[in-house]
PDB file of N, CA and C in Angstrom:
ATOM      1  N   MET A   1       6.844  -4.229 -12.289  1.00  0.00           N
ATOM      2  CA  MET A   1       6.009  -3.425 -12.732  1.00  0.00           C
ATOM      3  C   MET A   1       6.862  -1.919 -12.706  1.00  0.00           C
ATOM      4  N   SER A   2       6.956  -1.401 -14.151  1.00  0.00           N
ATOM      5  CA  SER A   2       7.373  -0.358 -14.113  1.00  0.00           C
ATOM      6  C   SER A   2       6.348   0.855 -14.069  1.00  0.00           C
ATOM      7  N   ALA A   3       6.896   2.185 -13.305  1.00  0.00           N
ATOM      8  CA  ALA A   3       5.854   3.257 -13.154  1.00  0.00           C
ATOM      9  C   ALA A   3       6.539   4.590 -13.536  1.00  0.00           C
ATOM     10  N   ALA A   4       5.508   5.537 -13.465  1.00  0.00           N
ATOM     11  CA  ALA A   4       6.222   6.968 -13.780  1.00  0.00           C
ATOM     12  C   ALA A   4       7.399   7.093 -13.103  1.00  0.00           C
ATOM     13  N   GLU A   5       8.398   8.012 -13.701  1.00  0.00           N
ATOM     14  CA  GLU A   5       9.789   8.718 -13.439  1.00  0.00           C
ATOM     15  C   GLU A   5      10.392   7.522 -13.354  1.00  0.00           C
ATOM     16  N   ASN A   6      10.288   6.249 -14.152  1.00  0.00           N
ATOM     17  CA  ASN A   6      11.192   5.018 -13.861  1.00  0.00           C
ATOM     18  C   ASN A   6      11.283   4.473 -12.539  1.00  0.00           C
ATOM     19  N   TRP A   7      10.200   4.851 -11.831  1.00  0.00           N
ATOM     20  CA  TRP A   7      10.174   3.678 -10.519  1.00  0.00           C
ATOM     21  C   TRP A   7      10.027   2.383 -10.641  1.00  0.00           C
ATOM     22  N   ARG A   8      10.295   1.464  -9.825  1.00  0.00           N
ATOM     23  CA  ARG A   8      10.002  -0.346 -10.052  1.00  0.00           C
ATOM     24  C   ARG A   8       9.363  -0.522  -9.147  1.00  0.00           C
ATOM     25  N   PHE A   9       8.202  -1.249  -9.143  1.00  0.00           N
ATOM     26  CA  PHE A   9       7.394  -1.815  -8.031  1.00  0.00           C
ATOM     27  C   PHE A   9       7.532  -3.221  -8.311  1.00  0.00           C
ATOM     28  N   GLU A  10       7.771  -3.845  -7.053  1.00  0.00           N
ATOM     29  CA  GLU A  10       7.877  -5.458  -7.317  1.00  0.00           C
ATOM     30  C   GLU A  10       6.709  -5.993  -6.194  1.00  0.00           C
ATOM     31  N   LEU A  11       5.815  -6.324  -6.616  1.00  0.00           N
ATOM     32  CA  LEU A  11       4.501  -7.107  -5.678  1.00  0.00           C
ATOM     33  C   LEU A  11       4.796  -8.675  -5.664  1.00  0.00           C
ATOM     34  N   THR A  12       4.549  -8.969  -4.478  1.00  0.00           N
ATOM     35  CA  THR A  12       4.819 -10.787  -4.054  1.00  0.00           C
ATOM     36  C   THR A  12       3.479 -10.983  -3.597  1.00  0.00           C
ATOM     37  N   ILE A  13       3.012 -11.638  -4.470  1.00  0.00           N
ATOM     38  CA  ILE A  13       1.707 -12.368  -3.604  1.00  0.00           C
ATOM     39  C   ILE A  13       1.759 -13.840  -3.420  1.00  0.00           C
ATOM     40  N   PRO A  14       1.566 -14.148  -2.109  1.00  0.00           N
ATOM     41  CA  PRO A  14       1.680 -15.486  -2.223  1.00  0.00           C
ATOM     42  C   PRO A  14       0.288 -16.436  -2.725  1.00  0.00           C
ATOM     43  N   ARG A  15       0.449 -17.659  -2.766  1.00  0.00           N
ATOM     44  CA  ARG A  15      -0.739 -18.080  -3.374  1.00  0.00           C
ATOM     45  C   ARG A  15      -1.709 -18.873  -2.395  1.00  0.00           C
ATOM     46  N   ASP A  16      -1.304 -19.061  -1.181  1.00  0.00           N
ATOM     47  CA  ASP A  16      -2.068 -19.652   0.097  1.00  0.00           C
ATOM     48  C   ASP A  16      -2.852 -18.879   1.136  1.00  0.00           C
ATOM     49  N   VAL A  17      -2.285 -17.697   1.126  1.00  0.00           N
ATOM     50  CA  VAL A  17      -2.470 -16.669   2.205  1.00  0.00           C
ATOM     51  C   VAL A  17      -3.091 -15.339   1.504  1.00  0.00           C
ATOM     52  N   LEU A  18      -3.869 -14.725   2.555  1.00  0.00           N
ATOM     53  CA  LEU A  18      -4.537 -13.736   2.018  1.00  0.00           C
ATOM     54  C   LEU A  18      -3.489 -12.566   2.495  1.00  0.00           C
ATOM     55  N   GLU A  19      -2.242 -12.238   2.018  1.00  0.00           N
ATOM     56  CA  GLU A  19      -1.518 -11.400   2.463  1.00  0.00           C
ATOM     57  C   GLU A  19      -0.546 -10.821   0.821  1.00  0.00           C
ATOM     58  N   TRP A  20       0.045  -9.963   1.018  1.00  0.00           N
ATOM     59  CA  TRP A  20       0.871  -9.398  -0.042  1.00  0.00           C
ATOM     60  C   TRP A  20       2.005  -8.380   0.188  1.00  0.00           C
ATOM     61  N   PHE A  21       3.055  -8.416  -0.497  1.00  0.00           N
ATOM     62  CA  PHE A  21       4.184  -7.318  -0.150  1.00  0.00           C
ATOM     63  C   PHE A  21       4.141  -6.711  -1.344  1.00  0.00           C
ATOM     64  N   VAL A  22       4.883  -5.450  -1.131  1.00  0.00           N
ATOM     65  CA  VAL A  22       5.055  -4.476  -2.286  1.00  0.00           C
ATOM     66  C   VAL A  22       6.741  -4.002  -1.753  1.00  0.00           C
ATOM     67  N   GLU A  23       7.619  -3.608  -2.894  1.00  0.00           N
ATOM     68  CA  GLU A  23       8.890  -2.942  -2.665  1.00  0.00           C
ATOM     69  C   GLU A  23       8.867  -2.013  -4.127  1.00  0.00           C
ATOM     70  N   ALA A  24       9.664  -0.802  -3.735  1.00  0.00           N
ATOM     71  CA  ALA A  24      10.042  -0.187  -4.747  1.00  0.00           C
ATOM     72  C   ALA A  24      11.266   0.570  -4.473  1.00  0.00           C
ATOM     73  N   TRP A  25      11.600   0.515  -5.740  1.00  0.00           N
ATOM     74  CA  TRP A  25      12.662   1.229  -6.007  1.00  0.00           C
ATOM     75  C   TRP A  25      12.994   2.490  -7.107  1.00  0.00           C
ATOM     76  N   THR A  26      13.675   3.598  -6.512  1.00  0.00           N
ATOM     77  CA  THR A  26      13.845   4.617  -7.624  1.00  0.00           C
ATOM     78  C   THR A  26      14.492   4.485  -8.878  1.00  0.00           C
ATOM     79  N   PRO A  27      14.825   5.287  -9.513  1.00  0.00           N
ATOM     80  CA  PRO A  27      15.390   5.290 -10.857  1.00  0.00           C
ATOM     81  C   PRO A  27      17.036   4.590 -10.575  1.00  0.00           C
ATOM     82  N   GLY A  28      17.450   3.590 -11.078  1.00  0.00           N
ATOM     83  CA  GLY A  28      19.009   3.019 -10.873  1.00  0.00           C
ATOM     84  C   GLY A  28      19.653   3.040  -9.793  1.00  0.00           C
ATOM     85  N   ALA A  29      18.413   2.926  -8.729  1.00  0.00           N
ATOM     86  CA  ALA A  29      19.042   2.553  -7.052  1.00  0.00           C
ATOM     87  C   ALA A  29      18.950   1.056  -7.206  1.00  0.00           C
ATOM     88  N   ALA A  30      20.077   0.634  -6.079  1.00  0.00           N
ATOM     89  CA  ALA A  30      20.077  -1.031  -6.070  1.00  0.00           C
ATOM     90  C   ALA A  30      19.440  -1.210  -4.731  1.00  0.00           C
ATOM     91  N   LYS A  31      19.291  -0.165  -3.925  1.00  0.00           N
ATOM     92  CA  LYS A  31      18.505  -0.244  -2.755  1.00  0.00           C
ATOM     93  C   LYS A  31      17.177  -0.151  -2.845  1.00  0.00           C
ATOM     94  N   LYS A  32      16.647  -0.598  -2.044  1.00  0.00           N
ATOM     95  CA  LYS A  32      14.763  -0.534  -2.082  1.00  0.00           C
ATOM     96  C   LYS A  32      14.496   0.956  -1.330  1.00  0.00           C
ATOM     97  N   ALA A  33      13.788   1.539  -1.945  1.00  0.00           N
ATOM     98  CA  ALA A  33      13.200   3.121  -1.638  1.00  0.00           C
ATOM     99  C   ALA A  33      12.241   2.788  -0.174  1.00  0.00           C
ATOM    100  N   TRP A  34      11.105   1.760  -0.550  1.00  0.00           N
ATOM    101  CA  TRP A  34      10.004   1.865   0.016  1.00  0.00           C
ATOM    102  C   TRP A  34       9.718   0.425   0.062  1.00  0.00           C
ATOM    103  N   SER A  35       8.996   0.046   1.358  1.00  0.00           N
ATOM    104  CA  SER A  35       8.485  -1.612   1.271  1.00  0.00           C
ATOM    105  C   SER A  35       7.118  -1.403   2.326  1.00  0.00           C
ATOM    106  N   ASP A  36       6.201  -2.071   2.078  1.00  0.00           N
ATOM    107  CA  ASP A  36       5.215  -2.565   3.052  1.00  0.00           C
ATOM    108  C   ASP A  36       4.222  -3.678   2.597  1.00  0.00           C
ATOM    109  N   TRP A  37       3.580  -3.978   3.414  1.00  0.00           N
ATOM    110  CA  TRP A  37       2.550  -5.557   3.039  1.00  0.00           C
ATOM    111  C   TRP A  37       1.223  -4.964   3.717  1.00  0.00           C
ATOM    112  N   SER A  38       0.322  -6.008   3.065  1.00  0.00           N
ATOM    113  CA  SER A  38      -1.224  -6.115   3.798  1.00  0.00           C
ATOM    114  C   SER A  38      -1.521  -7.611   3.748  1.00  0.00           C
ATOM    115  N   ASP A  39      -2.241  -7.771   4.964  1.00  0.00           N
ATOM    116  CA  ASP A  39      -3.102  -9.049   5.059  1.00  0.00           C
ATOM    117  C   ASP A  39      -4.295  -8.847   5.461  1.00  0.00           C
ATOM    118  N   TRP A  40      -5.079  -9.842   4.853  1.00  0.00           N
ATOM    119  CA  TRP A  40      -6.389  -9.875   5.394  1.00  0.00           C
ATOM    120  C   TRP A  40      -6.823 -11.338   6.205  1.00  0.00           C
ATOM    121  N   PHE A  41      -7.516 -10.817   7.091  1.00  0.00           N
ATOM    122  CA  PHE A  41      -7.977 -12.260   7.878  1.00  0.00           C
ATOM    123  C   PHE A  41      -9.390 -11.764   8.783  1.00  0.00           C
ATOM    124  N   ALA A  42      -9.974 -13.203   8.909  1.00  0.00           N
ATOM    125  CA  ALA A  42     -11.529 -12.655   9.638  1.00  0.00           C
ATOM    126  C   ALA A  42     -11.243 -12.880  11.274  1.00  0.00           C
ATOM    127  N   ILE A  43     -11.952 -12.005  11.988  1.00  0.00           N
ATOM    128  CA  ILE A  43     -11.977 -12.204  13.484  1.00  0.00           C
ATOM    129  C   ILE A  43     -13.319 -12.712  13.966  1.00  0.00           C
ATOM    130  N   LYS A  44     -13.480 -13.650  14.623  1.00  0.00           N
ATOM    131  CA  LYS A  44     -14.366 -14.412  14.995  1.00  0.00           C
ATOM    132  C   LYS A  44     -15.034 -14.999  13.698  1.00  0.00           C
ATOM    133  N   GLY A  45     -14.671 -15.283  12.411  1.00  0.00           N
ATOM    134  CA  GLY A  45     -15.339 -15.696  11.518  1.00  0.00           C
ATOM    135  C   GLY A  45     -16.011 -14.762  10.513  1.00  0.00           C
ATOM    136  N   GLU A  46     -15.671 -13.599  10.921  1.00  0.00           N
ATOM    137  CA  GLU A  46     -16.397 -12.230  10.142  1.00  0.00           C
ATOM    138  C   GLU A  46     -15.209 -11.644   9.641  1.00  0.00           C
ATOM    139  N   PRO A  47     -15.150 -11.238   8.261  1.00  0.00           N
ATOM    140  CA  PRO A  47     -16.272 -11.605   7.184  1.00  0.00           C
ATOM    141  C   PRO A  47     -15.842 -12.979   6.593  1.00  0.00           C
ATOM    142  N   SER A  48     -16.630 -13.770   5.880  1.00  0.00           N
ATOM    143  CA  SER A  48     -16.300 -15.155   5.319  1.00  0.00           C
ATOM    144  C   SER A  48     -14.951 -14.967   4.336  1.00  0.00           C
ATOM    145  N   ARG A  49     -14.544 -16.530   4.495  1.00  0.00           N
ATOM    146  CA  ARG A  49     -13.273 -16.201   3.562  1.00  0.00           C
ATOM    147  C   ARG A  49     -13.470 -15.976   2.244  1.00  0.00           C
ATOM    148  N   GLU A  50     -14.810 -16.177   1.475  1.00  0.00           N
ATOM    149  CA  GLU A  50     -15.149 -15.492   0.314  1.00  0.00           C
ATOM    150  C   GLU A  50     -14.889 -13.905   0.470  1.00  0.00           C
ATOM    151  N   GLU A  51     -15.658 -13.643   1.289  1.00  0.00           N
ATOM    152  CA  GLU A  51     -15.483 -12.035   1.140  1.00  0.00           C
ATOM    153  C   GLU A  51     -14.232 -11.386   1.518  1.00  0.00           C
ATOM    154  N   LEU A  52     -13.454 -12.337   2.530  1.00  0.00           N
ATOM    155  CA  LEU A  52     -11.839 -11.694   2.368  1.00  0.00           C
ATOM    156  C   LEU A  52     -11.347 -12.003   1.108  1.00  0.00           C
ATOM    157  N   GLU A  53     -11.156 -13.133   0.404  1.00  0.00           N
ATOM    158  CA  GLU A  53     -10.794 -12.975  -1.035  1.00  0.00           C
ATOM    159  C   GLU A  53     -11.288 -11.903  -1.892  1.00  0.00           C
ATOM    160  N   LEU A  54     -12.349 -11.328  -1.887  1.00  0.00           N
ATOM    161  CA  LEU A  54     -12.893 -10.296  -2.735  1.00  0.00           C
ATOM    162  C   LEU A  54     -12.181  -9.058  -2.453  1.00  0.00           C
ATOM    163  N   GLN A  55     -11.843  -8.948  -1.152  1.00  0.00           N
ATOM    164  CA  GLN A  55     -11.494  -7.597  -0.512  1.00  0.00           C
ATOM    165  C   GLN A  55      -9.980  -7.719  -0.660  1.00  0.00           C
ATOM    166  N   TYR A  56      -9.518  -8.832  -0.684  1.00  0.00           N
ATOM    167  CA  TYR A  56      -7.848  -8.608  -0.698  1.00  0.00           C
ATOM    168  C   TYR A  56      -7.697  -8.548  -2.290  1.00  0.00           C
ATOM    169  N   ALA A  57      -8.409  -9.039  -3.288  1.00  0.00           N
ATOM    170  CA  ALA A  57      -8.453  -9.118  -4.721  1.00  0.00           C
ATOM    171  C   ALA A  57      -8.407  -7.480  -5.026  1.00  0.00           C
ATOM    172  N   SER A  58      -9.495  -6.929  -4.204  1.00  0.00           N
ATOM    173  CA  SER A  58     -10.044  -5.414  -4.383  1.00  0.00           C
ATOM    174  C   SER A  58      -8.713  -4.592  -3.921  1.00  0.00           C
ATOM    175  N   ASP A  59      -7.986  -5.017  -2.884  1.00  0.00           N
ATOM    176  CA  ASP A  59      -6.880  -4.319  -2.132  1.00  0.00           C
ATOM    177  C   ASP A  59      -5.824  -4.510  -3.003  1.00  0.00           C
ATOM    178  N   VAL A  60      -5.400  -5.421  -3.797  1.00  0.00           N
ATOM    179  CA  VAL A  60      -4.370  -5.426  -4.801  1.00  0.00           C
ATOM    180  C   VAL A  60      -4.792  -4.631  -5.984  1.00  0.00           C
ATOM    181  N   GLU A  61      -5.829  -4.895  -6.713  1.00  0.00           N
ATOM    182  CA  GLU A  61      -6.092  -4.265  -7.807  1.00  0.00           C
ATOM    183  C   GLU A  61      -6.107  -2.615  -7.572  1.00  0.00           C
ATOM    184  N   TYR A  62      -6.609  -2.043  -6.603  1.00  0.00           N
ATOM    185  CA  TYR A  62      -6.806  -0.403  -6.164  1.00  0.00           C
ATOM    186  C   TYR A  62      -5.478   0.008  -5.660  1.00  0.00           C
ATOM    187  N   PHE A  63      -4.188  -0.823  -5.434  1.00  0.00           N
ATOM    188  CA  PHE A  63      -3.060  -0.390  -5.065  1.00  0.00           C
ATOM    189  C   PHE A  63      -2.442  -0.233  -6.722  1.00  0.00           C
ATOM    190  N   ILE A  64      -2.464  -1.185  -7.657  1.00  0.00           N
ATOM    191  CA  ILE A  64      -1.822  -1.091  -8.891  1.00  0.00           C
ATOM    192  C   ILE A  64      -2.686  -0.137  -9.694  1.00  0.00           C
ATOM    193  N   ALA A  65      -3.929   0.188  -9.396  1.00  0.00           N
ATOM    194  CA  ALA A  65      -4.611   1.403 -10.100  1.00  0.00           C
ATOM    195  C   ALA A  65      -3.991   2.693  -9.875  1.00  0.00           C
ATOM    196  N   ARG A  66      -3.665   2.794  -8.568  1.00  0.00           N
ATOM    197  CA  ARG A  66      -2.972   3.754  -7.963  1.00  0.00           C
ATOM    198  C   ARG A  66      -1.500   4.358  -8.537  1.00  0.00           C
ATOM    199  N   ILE A  67      -0.802   2.995  -8.348  1.00  0.00           N
ATOM    200  CA  ILE A  67       0.572   3.308  -9.032  1.00  0.00           C
ATOM    201  C   ILE A  67       0.396   3.708 -10.247  1.00  0.00           C
ATOM    202  N   ARG A  68      -0.293   2.774 -11.124  1.00  0.00           N
ATOM    203  CA  ARG A  68      -0.526   3.319 -12.884  1.00  0.00           C
ATOM    204  C   ARG A  68      -0.826   4.802 -12.812  1.00  0.00           C
ATOM    205  N   GLY A  69      -1.641   5.309 -12.178  1.00  0.00           N
ATOM    206  CA  GLY A  69      -2.513   6.553 -12.167  1.00  0.00           C
ATOM    207  C   GLY A  69      -1.477   7.614 -11.658  1.00  0.00           C
ATOM    208  N   ALA A  70      -0.588   7.679 -11.126  1.00  0.00           N
ATOM    209  CA  ALA A  70       0.537   8.295 -10.236  1.00  0.00           C
ATOM    210  C   ALA A  70       1.281   9.100 -11.824  1.00  0.00           C
ATOM    211  N   THR A  71       1.685  10.133 -11.357  1.00  0.00           N
ATOM    212  CA  THR A  71       2.811  10.635 -12.889  1.00  0.00           C
ATOM    213  C   THR A  71       3.826  10.955 -11.791  1.00  0.00           C
ATOM    214  N   ALA A  72       4.091  10.874 -10.556  1.00  0.00           N
ATOM    215  CA  ALA A  72       5.224  11.189  -9.888  1.00  0.00           C
ATOM    216  C   ALA A  72       5.251  10.317  -8.630  1.00  0.00           C
ATOM    217  N   PHE A  73       6.423  10.259  -7.758  1.00  0.00           N
ATOM    218  CA  PHE A  73       6.312   9.415  -6.584  1.00  0.00           C
ATOM    219  C   PHE A  73       7.319  10.200  -5.516  1.00  0.00           C
ATOM    220  N   ARG A  74       7.028  10.051  -4.372  1.00  0.00           N
ATOM    221  CA  ARG A  74       8.105  10.386  -3.302  1.00  0.00           C
ATOM    222  C   ARG A  74       7.577   9.801  -1.847  1.00  0.00           C
ATOM    223  N   CYS A  75       8.827   9.264  -1.219  1.00  0.00           N
ATOM    224  CA  CYS A  75       8.821   8.958   0.052  1.00  0.00           C
ATOM    225  C   CYS A  75       8.693   9.750   1.287  1.00  0.00           C
ATOM    226  N   VAL A  76       7.853   9.779   2.280  1.00  0.00           N
ATOM    227  CA  VAL A  76       7.895  10.694   3.283  1.00  0.00           C
ATOM    228  C   VAL A  76       7.532  10.085   4.650  1.00  0.00           C
ATOM    229  N   THR A  77       7.791  10.710   5.559  1.00  0.00           N
ATOM    230  CA  THR A  77       8.192   9.959   6.538  1.00  0.00           C
ATOM    231  C   THR A  77       6.995  10.730   7.694  1.00  0.00           C
ATOM    232  N   ARG A  78       6.530  10.366   8.599  1.00  0.00           N
ATOM    233  CA  ARG A  78       5.549  10.747   9.465  1.00  0.00           C
ATOM    234  C   ARG A  78       5.444  10.173  10.795  1.00  0.00           C
ATOM    235  N   PRO A  79       5.393  10.924  11.786  1.00  0.00           N
ATOM    236  CA  PRO A  79       5.359  10.096  13.151  1.00  0.00           C
ATOM    237  C   PRO A  79       3.822   9.284  13.210  1.00  0.00           C
ATOM    238  N   SER A  80       4.085   7.891  13.620  1.00  0.00           N
ATOM    239  CA  SER A  80       2.891   6.947  13.878  1.00  0.00           C
ATOM    240  C   SER A  80       2.301   6.861  15.214  1.00  0.00           C
ATOM    241  N   PHE A  81       3.110   7.311  16.139  1.00  0.00           N
ATOM    242  CA  PHE A  81       2.846   6.995  17.878  1.00  0.00           C
ATOM    243  C   PHE A  81       3.502   8.205  18.278  1.00  0.00           C
ATOM    244  N   ARG A  82       2.587   8.929  18.783  1.00  0.00           N
ATOM    245  CA  ARG A  82       2.512  10.004  19.997  1.00  0.00           C
ATOM    246  C   ARG A  82       2.414  10.022  21.224  1.00  0.00           C
ATOM    247  N   ILE A  83       3.389  10.346  22.139  1.00  0.00           N
ATOM    248  CA  ILE A  83       3.251  10.530  23.928  1.00  0.00           C
ATOM    249  C   ILE A  83       3.371  12.037  23.903  1.00  0.00           C
ATOM    250  N   LEU A  84       2.786  12.334  24.588  1.00  0.00           N
ATOM    251  CA  LEU A  84       2.422  14.111  24.782  1.00  0.00           C
ATOM    252  C   LEU A  84       3.028  14.907  23.600  1.00  0.00           C
ATOM    253  N   GLY A  85       2.392  14.550  22.464  1.00  0.00           N
ATOM    254  CA  GLY A  85       2.766  15.245  21.420  1.00  0.00           C
ATOM    255  C   GLY A  85       4.043  15.198  20.432  1.00  0.00           C
ATOM    256  N   ILE A  86       4.927  14.273  21.130  1.00  0.00           N
ATOM    257  CA  ILE A  86       6.164  13.881  20.822  1.00  0.00           C
ATOM    258  C   ILE A  86       5.992  12.696  20.000  1.00  0.00           C
ATOM    259  N   GLY A  87       6.585  12.965  18.729  1.00  0.00           N
ATOM    260  CA  GLY A  87       6.621  11.755  18.005  1.00  0.00           C
ATOM    261  C   GLY A  87       7.614  10.560  18.165  1.00  0.00           C
ATOM    262  N   ILE A  88       7.260   9.350  18.665  1.00  0.00           N
ATOM    263  CA  ILE A  88       8.012   8.329  19.147  1.00  0.00           C
ATOM    264  C   ILE A  88       8.373   7.432  17.995  1.00  0.00           C
ATOM    265  N   MET A  89       7.646   6.962  17.277  1.00  0.00           N
ATOM    266  CA  MET A  89       7.888   5.812  16.183  1.00  0.00           C
ATOM    267  C   MET A  89       7.599   6.756  14.679  1.00  0.00           C
ATOM    268  N   ARG A  90       8.018   6.409  13.700  1.00  0.00           N
ATOM    269  CA  ARG A  90       8.002   6.766  12.421  1.00  0.00           C
ATOM    270  C   ARG A  90       7.480   5.976  11.675  1.00  0.00           C
ATOM    271  N   ARG A  91       6.423   6.652  10.397  1.00  0.00           N
ATOM    272  CA  ARG A  91       6.131   5.523   9.456  1.00  0.00           C
ATOM    273  C   ARG A  91       6.685   6.213   8.171  1.00  0.00           C
ATOM    274  N   HIS A  92       7.157   5.156   7.617  1.00  0.00           N
ATOM    275  CA  HIS A  92       7.676   5.679   6.009  1.00  0.00           C
ATOM    276  C   HIS A  92       6.652   5.139   4.811  1.00  0.00           C
ATOM    277  N   LEU A  93       5.774   6.155   4.208  1.00  0.00           N
ATOM    278  CA  LEU A  93       4.801   6.052   3.510  1.00  0.00           C
ATOM    279  C   LEU A  93       5.531   6.545   1.803  1.00  0.00           C
ATOM    280  N   LEU A  94       4.772   5.802   1.116  1.00  0.00           N
ATOM    281  CA  LEU A  94       4.637   6.521  -0.461  1.00  0.00           C
ATOM    282  C   LEU A  94       3.676   7.261  -0.795  1.00  0.00           C
ATOM    283  N   GLN A  95       4.059   8.128  -1.501  1.00  0.00           N
ATOM    284  CA  GLN A  95       2.822   9.248  -2.138  1.00  0.00           C
ATOM    285  C   GLN A  95       2.909   9.336  -3.765  1.00  0.00           C
ATOM    286  N   GLY A  96       2.163   9.193  -4.422  1.00  0.00           N
ATOM    287  CA  GLY A  96       1.684   9.496  -5.580  1.00  0.00           C
ATOM    288  C   GLY A  96       1.225  10.802  -6.043  1.00  0.00           C
ATOM    289  N   MET A  97       1.539  11.376  -6.917  1.00  0.00           N
ATOM    290  CA  MET A  97       1.228  12.763  -7.579  1.00  0.00           C
ATOM    291  C   MET A  97       0.360  12.017  -8.527  1.00  0.00           C
ATOM    292  N   SER A  98      -1.065  12.789  -8.298  1.00  0.00           N
ATOM    293  CA  SER A  98      -2.411  12.386  -9.235  1.00  0.00           C
ATOM    294  C   SER A  98      -3.274  13.730  -8.917  1.00  0.00           C
ATOM    295  N   HIS A  99      -3.491  13.928 -10.291  1.00  0.00           N
ATOM    296  CA  HIS A  99      -4.423  15.383 -10.192  1.00  0.00           C
ATOM    297  C   HIS A  99      -3.727  16.735  -9.757  1.00  0.00           C
ATOM    298  N   GLY A 100      -2.590  16.778  -9.775  1.00  0.00           N
ATOM    299  CA  GLY A 100      -1.610  17.660  -9.320  1.00  0.00           C
ATOM    300  C   GLY A 100      -1.686  17.996  -7.779  1.00  0.00           C
ATOM    301  N   GLU A 101      -2.056  16.672  -6.977  1.00  0.00           N
ATOM    302  CA  GLU A 101      -2.119  16.545  -5.720  1.00  0.00           C
ATOM    303  C   GLU A 101      -1.243  15.196  -5.335  1.00  0.00           C
ATOM    304  N   TRP A 102      -0.255  15.508  -3.958  1.00  0.00           N
ATOM    305  CA  TRP A 102       0.335  14.205  -3.163  1.00  0.00           C
ATOM    306  C   TRP A 102      -0.831  13.320  -2.675  1.00  0.00           C
ATOM    307  N   HIS A 103      -0.932  12.101  -2.752  1.00  0.00           N
ATOM    308  CA  HIS A 103      -1.920  11.212  -2.238  1.00  0.00           C
ATOM    309  C   HIS A 103      -1.081  10.085  -1.727  1.00  0.00           C
ATOM    310  N   ASP A 104      -1.537   9.590  -0.306  1.00  0.00           N
ATOM    311  CA  ASP A 104      -0.723   8.342   0.014  1.00  0.00           C
ATOM    312  C   ASP A 104      -1.079   7.044  -0.635  1.00  0.00           C
ATOM    313  N   ILE A 105      -0.258   6.284  -0.812  1.00  0.00           N
ATOM    314  CA  ILE A 105      -0.683   4.869  -1.757  1.00  0.00           C
ATOM    315  C   ILE A 105      -0.071   3.785  -0.681  1.00  0.00           C
ATOM    316  N   GLU A 106      -0.937   3.463   0.027  1.00  0.00           N
ATOM    317  CA  GLU A 106      -0.962   2.447   0.737  1.00  0.00           C
ATOM    318  C   GLU A 106      -1.511   1.005   0.459  1.00  0.00           C
ATOM    319  N   PRO A 107      -1.011  -0.147   0.753  1.00  0.00           N
ATOM    320  CA  PRO A 107      -1.611  -1.379   0.820  1.00  0.00           C
ATOM    321  C   PRO A 107      -2.581  -1.485   1.902  1.00  0.00           C
ATOM    322  N   GLY A 108      -3.480  -2.174   1.630  1.00  0.00           N
ATOM    323  CA  GLY A 108      -4.701  -2.392   2.781  1.00  0.00           C
ATOM    324  C   GLY A 108      -5.571  -1.131   2.716  1.00  0.00           C
ATOM    325  N   VAL A 109      -5.903  -0.533   1.478  1.00  0.00           N
ATOM    326  CA  VAL A 109      -6.812   0.527   1.651  1.00  0.00           C
ATOM    327  C   VAL A 109      -7.531   0.088   0.764  1.00  0.00           C
ATOM    328  N   LEU A 110      -9.101   0.066   0.543  1.00  0.00           N
ATOM    329  CA  LEU A 110      -9.955  -0.323  -0.191  1.00  0.00           C
ATOM    330  C   LEU A 110     -10.500   1.015  -0.931  1.00  0.00           C
ATOM    331  N   PRO A 111     -10.923   1.229  -2.163  1.00  0.00           N
ATOM    332  CA  PRO A 111     -11.911   2.428  -2.759  1.00  0.00           C
ATOM    333  C   PRO A 111     -12.953   2.727  -1.625  1.00  0.00           C
ATOM    334  N   ALA A 112     -13.557   3.740  -1.541  1.00  0.00           N
ATOM    335  CA  ALA A 112     -14.313   4.261  -0.588  1.00  0.00           C
ATOM    336  C   ALA A 112     -15.670   3.399  -0.876  1.00  0.00           C
ATOM    337  N   ALA A 113     -15.841   3.275  -2.242  1.00  0.00           N
ATOM    338  CA  ALA A 113     -16.924   2.554  -2.563  1.00  0.00           C
ATOM    339  C   ALA A 113     -17.187   0.992  -2.020  1.00  0.00           C
ATOM    340  N   THR A 114     -16.288   0.524  -1.633  1.00  0.00           N
ATOM    341  CA  THR A 114     -16.232  -0.902  -0.794  1.00  0.00           C
ATOM    342  C   THR A 114     -15.827  -0.766   0.581  1.00  0.00           C
ATOM    343  N   GLY A 115     -15.782   0.508   1.038  1.00  0.00           N
ATOM    344  CA  GLY A 115     -15.841   0.774   2.453  1.00  0.00           C
ATOM    345  C   GLY A 115     -14.945  -0.376   3.198  1.00  0.00           C
ATOM    346  N   GLY A 116     -13.849  -0.289   3.198  1.00  0.00           N
ATOM    347  CA  GLY A 116     -13.047  -1.323   4.332  1.00  0.00           C
ATOM    348  C   GLY A 116     -11.682  -0.953   4.363  1.00  0.00           C
ATOM    349  N   ALA A 117     -11.053  -1.778   5.058  1.00  0.00           N
ATOM    350  CA  ALA A 117      -9.509  -1.671   5.265  1.00  0.00           C
ATOM    351  C   ALA A 117      -8.957  -2.859   5.599  1.00  0.00           C
ATOM    352  N   ALA A 118      -7.606  -3.223   5.534  1.00  0.00           N
ATOM    353  CA  ALA A 118      -6.942  -4.565   5.608  1.00  0.00           C
ATOM    354  C   ALA A 118      -6.873  -4.273   7.290  1.00  0.00           C
ATOM    355  N   ALA A 119      -6.806  -5.388   8.236  1.00  0.00           N
ATOM    356  CA  ALA A 119      -6.668  -5.605   9.502  1.00  0.00           C
ATOM    357  C   ALA A 119      -5.549  -5.477   9.796  1.00  0.00           C
TER     358      ALA A 119
END
């Protein structure tokens, strides 16, 4: 799928499992600029398979809506794990410009109204 500033996004959605993958390329780049994935599963049978399928679909739809709604993109790196205030591990995030502000665009995040996130 093409997006703002000629960024290109490729989503891989397997048929039989509740996980999906995304890769992004900047204009003209042969090497991907960013990638991530999301999976949905029950813990001790909760939520039900039907509920998981709905959350999974909402996850993909919400991600696509945020990509299509962004006017620009950038990749940022943030510390994801700290020991004594020192960032040990780093996390690469995609951000999209929307309504004049940068917002993280991550798989596994649902709209606030549905209340939830991927495991």
